[in-house]
Structures are given as structure tokens and as C-alpha cells.
Amino acid sequence: MKIIYHGHSCIQIEVSGKSLIIDPFLRGNPAAVTKPEEVKTDMVLLTHAHVDHILDAAPIALQNNVPIVANVELAGYMEGQGVQTIGMNIGGTVDLGFAKATMIHAFHSSGITLEDGQKAIYGGMPAGFIIQAEGRTVVHTGDTGLFGDLKMFGELYDIDLAILPIGGHYTMGPEHALIAAKWLGAKQVLPIHYNTFPPIVQDANAFVRALGEEGIRGTVLGYGESLEL
């Protein structure tokens, strides 16, 4: 299993010659090294409806002729853009053929800001995903604060990699992400959702050092870089 970091919260997972991409946000990220039109994927997964997670979802899905997996409200919005969708909800599992995706809850907000910038419409419940394939288990928590049910997920699943936001301000910061990593019992942690905007500037290397002090392996990836599980 190959994990590619495209920046912000955008992760691509490659397994068995197939791939899925989570929360594609490339055009809006000036540091991105990958363009939406360069992405080849078999599935697009969305954790919630904020623009820094869905901006490139429809173009990528359309150019690859693949579905978007999202909560039913967000899936309905994407259908309005001519995209195939698989609507699901918290606790459900979808068999993608090459991987299984279970939607878990996250503590955040979720809304779609309309073009006039004056109004947002409900985007469904924010979520994360547990991805299982090739005997590996990866959790992408989506945007979230720290919450106690992360302990439950650590008990239910043998997690090889936890992908956690550390930016603070909009999500949990490094201190709470460290607790989340311990509660999840993750063998390895990949920090995301930091340094894209001024309010979420963080030192990811310091976070990884703190993980190491707790006996947890952490990896910092640059945009376009990858790791193997």
C-alpha cells in the first residue's frame, strides 16, 4: 500500500494497481505540486463539505469517470455537478472493490459556501474514513477536534497508519493530535492539515519528535512525497 501526500488534507492511497483520493484540494493550494488534471484515480472520497476539501473533487471524478463517496447530503450536491456518487453515512461501510471504506464520525462543521459568499448550505455530518485493503488499516480522521471515541476506534481496529490534522485553530493541534495517536494505538502517524494558511502554521517535525518520545513512529511528508505500508 502506497500513501501519497498531495498537501493539506489530500491523501491518495494506491493498492493493487488501483487508487482512491481523499479530499482533493489542489488548485486552491499555492504549494501544491500536482494539478487536478494530472490525478489518475478510481474513486474520490470526501470527509466533509468545506471548500478546502472538495474544491477539485468534481473535476477529478469527471475526468476519470469515477464516483465520489460522501455523506448523502454532500453526495446530492455533487450529483448536481454531473458526478456519479455513492452516498453513505456514519458507521456505514462501502466495498470499493479494491478496498473497504468505513465512515466514522468527526467533530467539526460542514457547509457549502455558495458563490455569493453570503450563504452556506448544510453539507451533512463531518466524517473520517477507515480504509482497509491488502491486510492494512489506515484511518484518515478528517477535520476534527479531539474526542473520546478515538479510543474506541483504537480498540476496534488494528491501525497501521493514522492520518491526523495538527494545524490547530480549525482542528486539533499537535498536543491533542499526540493524544489521539496514543488513543488510536497507531503504529505510524502522518500529520496533515497544517501550514496551508497562516492560522494553521505548525512545526510537523516537532510533532514527530513528540510522537517518538511516546514510542510512536511519525513521518513528515512533503507535497507529492509518499510512504509504503
C-alpha atoms as a PDB file:
ATOM      1  CA  MET A   1       0.000   0.000   0.000  1.00  0.00           C
ATOM      2  CA  LYS A   2       1.343   3.377  -1.050  1.00  0.00           C
ATOM      3  CA  ILE A   3       0.285   6.622   0.651  1.00  0.00           C
ATOM      4  CA  ILE A   4       0.848   9.845  -1.326  1.00  0.00           C
ATOM      5  CA  TYR A   5       0.516  13.256   0.327  1.00  0.00           C
ATOM      6  CA  HIS A   6      -0.766  15.950  -2.030  1.00  0.00           C
ATOM      7  CA  GLY A   7      -0.862  18.648   0.648  1.00  0.00           C
ATOM      8  CA  HIS A   8      -3.356  19.999   3.189  1.00  0.00           C
ATOM      9  CA  SER A   9      -5.686  17.003   3.824  1.00  0.00           C
ATOM     10  CA  CYS A  10      -5.406  15.439   0.378  1.00  0.00           C
ATOM     11  CA  ILE A  11      -4.199  11.845   0.504  1.00  0.00           C
ATOM     12  CA  GLN A  12      -4.035   9.304  -2.317  1.00  0.00           C
ATOM     13  CA  ILE A  13      -3.894   5.605  -1.461  1.00  0.00           C
ATOM     14  CA  GLU A  14      -2.677   3.125  -4.072  1.00  0.00           C
ATOM     15  CA  VAL A  15      -3.399  -0.583  -3.704  1.00  0.00           C
ATOM     16  CA  SER A  16      -3.348  -3.458  -6.199  1.00  0.00           C
ATOM     17  CA  GLY A  17      -2.972  -1.168  -9.193  1.00  0.00           C
ATOM     18  CA  LYS A  18      -5.957   0.949  -8.105  1.00  0.00           C
ATOM     19  CA  SER A  19      -6.188   4.164  -6.129  1.00  0.00           C
ATOM     20  CA  LEU A  20      -8.512   6.409  -4.193  1.00  0.00           C
ATOM     21  CA  ILE A  21      -8.038  10.064  -3.362  1.00  0.00           C
ATOM     22  CA  ILE A  22      -9.398  11.773  -0.244  1.00  0.00           C
ATOM     23  CA  ASP A  23     -10.313  15.486  -0.024  1.00  0.00           C
ATOM     24  CA  PRO A  24      -8.653  16.817  -3.196  1.00  0.00           C
ATOM     25  CA  PHE A  25      -7.674  20.467  -2.739  1.00  0.00           C
ATOM     26  CA  LEU A  26      -5.012  21.359  -5.307  1.00  0.00           C
ATOM     27  CA  ARG A  27      -5.997  24.472  -7.276  1.00  0.00           C
ATOM     28  CA  GLY A  28      -6.541  26.412  -4.054  1.00  0.00           C
ATOM     29  CA  ASN A  29      -3.228  25.427  -2.504  1.00  0.00           C
ATOM     30  CA  PRO A  30      -0.339  27.518  -3.860  1.00  0.00           C
ATOM     31  CA  ALA A  31       2.209  24.975  -2.585  1.00  0.00           C
ATOM     32  CA  ALA A  32       0.626  22.016  -4.404  1.00  0.00           C
ATOM     33  CA  VAL A  33       2.905  20.232  -6.876  1.00  0.00           C
ATOM     34  CA  THR A  34       0.139  18.172  -8.506  1.00  0.00           C
ATOM     35  CA  LYS A  35      -2.527  19.624 -10.792  1.00  0.00           C
ATOM     36  CA  PRO A  36      -6.075  18.224 -10.716  1.00  0.00           C
ATOM     37  CA  GLU A  37      -5.844  17.189 -14.361  1.00  0.00           C
ATOM     38  CA  GLU A  38      -2.799  15.051 -13.541  1.00  0.00           C
ATOM     39  CA  VAL A  39      -4.626  12.927 -10.971  1.00  0.00           C
ATOM     40  CA  LYS A  40      -5.495   9.384 -12.043  1.00  0.00           C
ATOM     41  CA  THR A  41      -7.779   7.601  -9.604  1.00  0.00           C
ATOM     42  CA  ASP A  42     -10.555   5.032  -9.308  1.00  0.00           C
ATOM     43  CA  MET A  43     -12.519   6.729  -6.520  1.00  0.00           C
ATOM     44  CA  VAL A  44     -12.848  10.099  -4.785  1.00  0.00           C
ATOM     45  CA  LEU A  45     -13.708  10.203  -1.069  1.00  0.00           C
ATOM     46  CA  LEU A  46     -14.834  13.333   0.781  1.00  0.00           C
ATOM     47  CA  THR A  47     -14.814  13.783   4.553  1.00  0.00           C
ATOM     48  CA  HIS A  48     -16.918  16.956   4.648  1.00  0.00           C
ATOM     49  CA  ALA A  49     -18.138  19.873   2.578  1.00  0.00           C
ATOM     50  CA  HIS A  50     -15.656  22.688   3.231  1.00  0.00           C
ATOM     51  CA  VAL A  51     -14.062  24.097   0.096  1.00  0.00           C
ATOM     52  CA  ASP A  52     -10.523  23.167   1.155  1.00  0.00           C
ATOM     53  CA  HIS A  53     -11.631  19.524   0.978  1.00  0.00           C
ATOM     54  CA  ILE A  54     -13.942  19.416  -2.052  1.00  0.00           C
ATOM     55  CA  LEU A  55     -12.601  22.051  -4.472  1.00  0.00           C
ATOM     56  CA  ASP A  56     -11.214  19.599  -7.047  1.00  0.00           C
ATOM     57  CA  ALA A  57     -13.487  16.639  -6.320  1.00  0.00           C
ATOM     58  CA  ALA A  58     -15.904  17.077  -9.223  1.00  0.00           C
ATOM     59  CA  PRO A  59     -13.253  17.815 -11.900  1.00  0.00           C
ATOM     60  CA  ILE A  60     -11.172  14.798 -10.836  1.00  0.00           C
ATOM     61  CA  ALA A  61     -14.201  12.500 -10.706  1.00  0.00           C
ATOM     62  CA  LEU A  62     -15.448  13.658 -14.101  1.00  0.00           C
ATOM     63  CA  GLN A  63     -12.119  13.375 -15.909  1.00  0.00           C
ATOM     64  CA  ASN A  64     -11.591   9.862 -14.519  1.00  0.00           C
ATOM     65  CA  ASN A  65     -15.270   8.851 -14.901  1.00  0.00           C
ATOM     66  CA  VAL A  66     -15.366   7.613 -11.307  1.00  0.00           C
ATOM     67  CA  PRO A  67     -17.747   8.097  -8.361  1.00  0.00           C
ATOM     68  CA  ILE A  68     -17.464  10.374  -5.366  1.00  0.00           C
ATOM     69  CA  VAL A  69     -18.084   8.720  -1.987  1.00  0.00           C
ATOM     70  CA  ALA A  70     -19.526  11.127   0.581  1.00  0.00           C
ATOM     71  CA  ASN A  71     -22.338  11.566   3.092  1.00  0.00           C
ATOM     72  CA  VAL A  72     -25.741  11.660   1.424  1.00  0.00           C
ATOM     73  CA  GLU A  73     -26.155  15.437   1.587  1.00  0.00           C
ATOM     74  CA  LEU A  74     -22.768  16.159   0.050  1.00  0.00           C
ATOM     75  CA  ALA A  75     -23.270  13.366  -2.490  1.00  0.00           C
ATOM     76  CA  GLY A  76     -26.519  15.038  -3.548  1.00  0.00           C
ATOM     77  CA  TYR A  77     -24.722  18.340  -4.036  1.00  0.00           C
ATOM     78  CA  MET A  78     -22.060  16.628  -6.160  1.00  0.00           C
ATOM     79  CA  GLU A  79     -24.709  14.910  -8.278  1.00  0.00           C
ATOM     80  CA  GLY A  80     -25.891  18.392  -9.224  1.00  0.00           C
ATOM     81  CA  GLN A  81     -22.474  18.870 -10.851  1.00  0.00           C
ATOM     82  CA  GLY A  82     -22.995  15.811 -13.031  1.00  0.00           C
ATOM     83  CA  VAL A  83     -20.872  13.465 -10.947  1.00  0.00           C
ATOM     84  CA  GLN A  84     -21.583   9.811 -10.151  1.00  0.00           C
ATOM     85  CA  THR A  85     -21.857   9.376  -6.390  1.00  0.00           C
ATOM     86  CA  ILE A  86     -22.065   6.783  -3.654  1.00  0.00           C
ATOM     87  CA  GLY A  87     -23.930   8.322  -0.747  1.00  0.00           C
ATOM     88  CA  MET A  88     -23.324   6.836   2.682  1.00  0.00           C
ATOM     89  CA  ASN A  89     -23.338   7.857   6.312  1.00  0.00           C
ATOM     90  CA  ILE A  90     -21.651   7.467   9.689  1.00  0.00           C
ATOM     91  CA  GLY A  91     -20.984   3.840  10.606  1.00  0.00           C
ATOM     92  CA  GLY A  92     -21.541   2.533   7.098  1.00  0.00           C
ATOM     93  CA  THR A  93     -19.010   0.612   5.029  1.00  0.00           C
ATOM     94  CA  VAL A  94     -18.680   0.693   1.241  1.00  0.00           C
ATOM     95  CA  ASP A  95     -16.840  -2.002  -0.699  1.00  0.00           C
ATOM     96  CA  LEU A  96     -14.864  -0.153  -3.361  1.00  0.00           C
ATOM     97  CA  GLY A  97     -13.702  -3.394  -4.984  1.00  0.00           C
ATOM     98  CA  PHE A  98     -10.045  -2.907  -4.139  1.00  0.00           C
ATOM     99  CA  ALA A  99     -10.595  -1.525  -0.610  1.00  0.00           C
ATOM    100  CA  LYS A 100     -13.297  -1.082   2.004  1.00  0.00           C
ATOM    101  CA  ALA A 101     -14.127   2.357   3.369  1.00  0.00           C
ATOM    102  CA  THR A 102     -15.918   2.793   6.689  1.00  0.00           C
ATOM    103  CA  MET A 103     -17.211   6.265   7.523  1.00  0.00           C
ATOM    104  CA  ILE A 104     -16.552   7.361  11.106  1.00  0.00           C
ATOM    105  CA  HIS A 105     -17.699  10.489  12.890  1.00  0.00           C
ATOM    106  CA  ALA A 106     -15.577  13.593  13.372  1.00  0.00           C
ATOM    107  CA  PHE A 107     -16.166  16.703  15.498  1.00  0.00           C
ATOM    108  CA  HIS A 108     -16.148  19.666  13.136  1.00  0.00           C
ATOM    109  CA  SER A 109     -18.616  21.592  10.965  1.00  0.00           C
ATOM    110  CA  SER A 110     -19.632  21.078   7.349  1.00  0.00           C
ATOM    111  CA  GLY A 111     -21.186  23.543   4.950  1.00  0.00           C
ATOM    112  CA  ILE A 112     -21.001  24.573   1.321  1.00  0.00           C
ATOM    113  CA  THR A 113     -20.482  28.293   0.805  1.00  0.00           C
ATOM    114  CA  LEU A 114     -22.443  29.487  -2.203  1.00  0.00           C
ATOM    115  CA  GLU A 115     -20.915  31.661  -4.908  1.00  0.00           C
ATOM    116  CA  ASP A 116     -22.202  34.924  -3.451  1.00  0.00           C
ATOM    117  CA  GLY A 117     -20.196  34.170  -0.297  1.00  0.00           C
ATOM    118  CA  GLN A 118     -23.129  35.278   1.850  1.00  0.00           C
ATOM    119  CA  LYS A 119     -24.779  31.946   2.497  1.00  0.00           C
ATOM    120  CA  ALA A 120     -23.752  28.392   3.311  1.00  0.00           C
ATOM    121  CA  ILE A 121     -25.907  25.306   2.855  1.00  0.00           C
ATOM    122  CA  TYR A 122     -25.806  22.215   5.041  1.00  0.00           C
ATOM    123  CA  GLY A 123     -23.138  19.750   3.938  1.00  0.00           C
ATOM    124  CA  GLY A 124     -24.045  16.772   6.099  1.00  0.00           C
ATOM    125  CA  MET A 125     -22.149  15.401   9.070  1.00  0.00           C
ATOM    126  CA  PRO A 126     -18.335  15.765   9.042  1.00  0.00           C
ATOM    127  CA  ALA A 127     -16.550  12.432   8.974  1.00  0.00           C
ATOM    128  CA  GLY A 128     -13.375  10.450   8.627  1.00  0.00           C
ATOM    129  CA  PHE A 129     -12.654   7.162   6.879  1.00  0.00           C
ATOM    130  CA  ILE A 130     -11.140   3.867   7.908  1.00  0.00           C
ATOM    131  CA  ILE A 131      -9.641   2.298   4.788  1.00  0.00           C
ATOM    132  CA  GLN A 132      -8.883  -1.428   4.775  1.00  0.00           C
ATOM    133  CA  ALA A 133      -7.005  -3.119   1.941  1.00  0.00           C
ATOM    134  CA  GLU A 134      -4.209  -5.626   1.444  1.00  0.00           C
ATOM    135  CA  GLY A 135      -4.287  -6.507   5.138  1.00  0.00           C
ATOM    136  CA  ARG A 136      -3.600  -2.888   6.133  1.00  0.00           C
ATOM    137  CA  THR A 137      -5.789  -0.420   8.006  1.00  0.00           C
ATOM    138  CA  VAL A 138      -5.498   3.341   7.574  1.00  0.00           C
ATOM    139  CA  VAL A 139      -7.594   5.945   9.362  1.00  0.00           C
ATOM    140  CA  HIS A 140      -7.992   9.442   7.932  1.00  0.00           C
ATOM    141  CA  THR A 141      -9.806  11.305  10.693  1.00  0.00           C
ATOM    142  CA  GLY A 142     -10.845  14.231   8.514  1.00  0.00           C
ATOM    143  CA  ASP A 143     -11.002  17.615  10.191  1.00  0.00           C
ATOM    144  CA  THR A 144     -11.704  17.045  13.869  1.00  0.00           C
ATOM    145  CA  GLY A 145     -11.041  18.058  17.409  1.00  0.00           C
ATOM    146  CA  LEU A 146     -10.006  15.515  19.998  1.00  0.00           C
ATOM    147  CA  PHE A 147     -12.853  13.249  21.140  1.00  0.00           C
ATOM    148  CA  GLY A 148     -13.028  10.167  23.324  1.00  0.00           C
ATOM    149  CA  ASP A 149     -14.382   7.745  20.712  1.00  0.00           C
ATOM    150  CA  LEU A 150     -10.939   7.696  19.112  1.00  0.00           C
ATOM    151  CA  LYS A 151     -10.145   5.240  21.912  1.00  0.00           C
ATOM    152  CA  MET A 152     -12.980   3.048  20.665  1.00  0.00           C
ATOM    153  CA  PHE A 153     -11.611   3.043  17.125  1.00  0.00           C
ATOM    154  CA  GLY A 154      -8.239   2.038  18.550  1.00  0.00           C
ATOM    155  CA  GLU A 155      -9.915  -0.914  20.258  1.00  0.00           C
ATOM    156  CA  LEU A 156     -11.953  -1.928  17.217  1.00  0.00           C
ATOM    157  CA  TYR A 157      -9.184  -1.719  14.626  1.00  0.00           C
ATOM    158  CA  ASP A 158      -5.505  -2.608  14.370  1.00  0.00           C
ATOM    159  CA  ILE A 159      -4.406   0.682  12.829  1.00  0.00           C
ATOM    160  CA  ASP A 160      -1.255   0.692  10.733  1.00  0.00           C
ATOM    161  CA  LEU A 161      -1.381   4.410   9.914  1.00  0.00           C
ATOM    162  CA  ALA A 162      -3.289   7.308  11.452  1.00  0.00           C
ATOM    163  CA  ILE A 163      -3.565  10.432   9.312  1.00  0.00           C
ATOM    164  CA  LEU A 164      -4.221  13.283  11.738  1.00  0.00           C
ATOM    165  CA  PRO A 165      -4.707  17.047  11.447  1.00  0.00           C
ATOM    166  CA  ILE A 166      -2.292  19.081  13.583  1.00  0.00           C
ATOM    167  CA  GLY A 167      -2.934  22.643  12.449  1.00  0.00           C
ATOM    168  CA  GLY A 168      -4.975  23.847  15.390  1.00  0.00           C
ATOM    169  CA  HIS A 169      -7.419  26.779  15.044  1.00  0.00           C
ATOM    170  CA  TYR A 170      -9.863  24.785  12.828  1.00  0.00           C
ATOM    171  CA  THR A 171      -8.919  21.304  14.097  1.00  0.00           C
ATOM    172  CA  MET A 172      -6.948  19.769  16.927  1.00  0.00           C
ATOM    173  CA  GLY A 173      -3.379  20.953  17.262  1.00  0.00           C
ATOM    174  CA  PRO A 174      -0.217  18.923  17.926  1.00  0.00           C
ATOM    175  CA  GLU A 175      -0.846  18.370  21.645  1.00  0.00           C
ATOM    176  CA  HIS A 176      -4.278  16.869  21.103  1.00  0.00           C
ATOM    177  CA  ALA A 177      -3.150  15.016  17.975  1.00  0.00           C
ATOM    178  CA  LEU A 178      -0.483  13.319  20.106  1.00  0.00           C
ATOM    179  CA  ILE A 179      -3.204  12.125  22.484  1.00  0.00           C
ATOM    180  CA  ALA A 180      -5.301  10.967  19.512  1.00  0.00           C
ATOM    181  CA  ALA A 181      -2.366   8.934  18.182  1.00  0.00           C
ATOM    182  CA  LYS A 182      -1.993   7.189  21.541  1.00  0.00           C
ATOM    183  CA  TRP A 183      -5.719   6.507  21.839  1.00  0.00           C
ATOM    184  CA  LEU A 184      -5.818   5.056  18.328  1.00  0.00           C
ATOM    185  CA  GLY A 185      -2.859   2.805  19.046  1.00  0.00           C
ATOM    186  CA  ALA A 186      -1.488   3.651  15.613  1.00  0.00           C
ATOM    187  CA  LYS A 187       1.765   2.044  14.527  1.00  0.00           C
ATOM    188  CA  GLN A 188       2.582   5.111  12.449  1.00  0.00           C
ATOM    189  CA  VAL A 189       1.252   8.665  12.169  1.00  0.00           C
ATOM    190  CA  LEU A 190       1.172  11.105   9.261  1.00  0.00           C
ATOM    191  CA  PRO A 191       0.392  14.751  10.156  1.00  0.00           C
ATOM    192  CA  ILE A 192      -1.810  16.757   7.775  1.00  0.00           C
ATOM    193  CA  HIS A 193      -3.863  19.976   7.638  1.00  0.00           C
ATOM    194  CA  TYR A 194      -1.076  22.364   8.648  1.00  0.00           C
ATOM    195  CA  ASN A 195       0.897  25.267   7.116  1.00  0.00           C
ATOM    196  CA  THR A 196      -1.579  25.806   4.251  1.00  0.00           C
ATOM    197  CA  PHE A 197      -2.883  29.055   5.760  1.00  0.00           C
ATOM    198  CA  PRO A 198      -1.379  31.400   8.404  1.00  0.00           C
ATOM    199  CA  PRO A 199      -3.725  30.326  11.254  1.00  0.00           C
ATOM    200  CA  ILE A 200      -2.604  26.675  10.974  1.00  0.00           C
ATOM    201  CA  VAL A 201       1.183  27.040  10.851  1.00  0.00           C
ATOM    202  CA  GLN A 202       2.790  24.270  12.912  1.00  0.00           C
ATOM    203  CA  ASP A 203       6.145  22.502  13.265  1.00  0.00           C
ATOM    204  CA  ALA A 204       5.411  18.992  11.995  1.00  0.00           C
ATOM    205  CA  ASN A 205       8.924  17.803  12.785  1.00  0.00           C
ATOM    206  CA  ALA A 206       8.479  18.804  16.433  1.00  0.00           C
ATOM    207  CA  PHE A 207       5.222  16.833  16.452  1.00  0.00           C
ATOM    208  CA  VAL A 208       7.004  13.767  15.073  1.00  0.00           C
ATOM    209  CA  ARG A 209       9.696  14.102  17.743  1.00  0.00           C
ATOM    210  CA  ALA A 210       6.975  14.183  20.407  1.00  0.00           C
ATOM    211  CA  LEU A 211       5.482  11.027  18.899  1.00  0.00           C
ATOM    212  CA  GLY A 212       8.880   9.355  19.070  1.00  0.00           C
ATOM    213  CA  GLU A 213       9.132  10.146  22.768  1.00  0.00           C
ATOM    214  CA  GLU A 214       5.918   8.144  23.194  1.00  0.00           C
ATOM    215  CA  GLY A 215       7.270   5.233  21.144  1.00  0.00           C
ATOM    216  CA  ILE A 216       5.152   6.057  18.102  1.00  0.00           C
ATOM    217  CA  ARG A 217       6.638   6.342  14.631  1.00  0.00           C
ATOM    218  CA  GLY A 218       5.802   9.585  12.859  1.00  0.00           C
ATOM    219  CA  THR A 219       6.536  10.627   9.292  1.00  0.00           C
ATOM    220  CA  VAL A 220       6.526  14.101   7.765  1.00  0.00           C
ATOM    221  CA  LEU A 221       5.899  14.093   4.020  1.00  0.00           C
ATOM    222  CA  GLY A 222       6.440  16.935   1.605  1.00  0.00           C
ATOM    223  CA  TYR A 223       3.878  17.602  -1.103  1.00  0.00           C
ATOM    224  CA  GLY A 224       3.999  14.795  -3.653  1.00  0.00           C
ATOM    225  CA  GLU A 225       6.041  12.529  -1.382  1.00  0.00           C
ATOM    226  CA  SER A 226       4.894   9.067  -0.335  1.00  0.00           C
ATOM    227  CA  LEU A 227       5.395   6.252   2.136  1.00  0.00           C
ATOM    228  CA  GLU A 228       4.864   2.494   1.860  1.00  0.00           C
ATOM    229  CA  LEU A 229       2.940   0.314   4.302  1.00  0.00           C
END
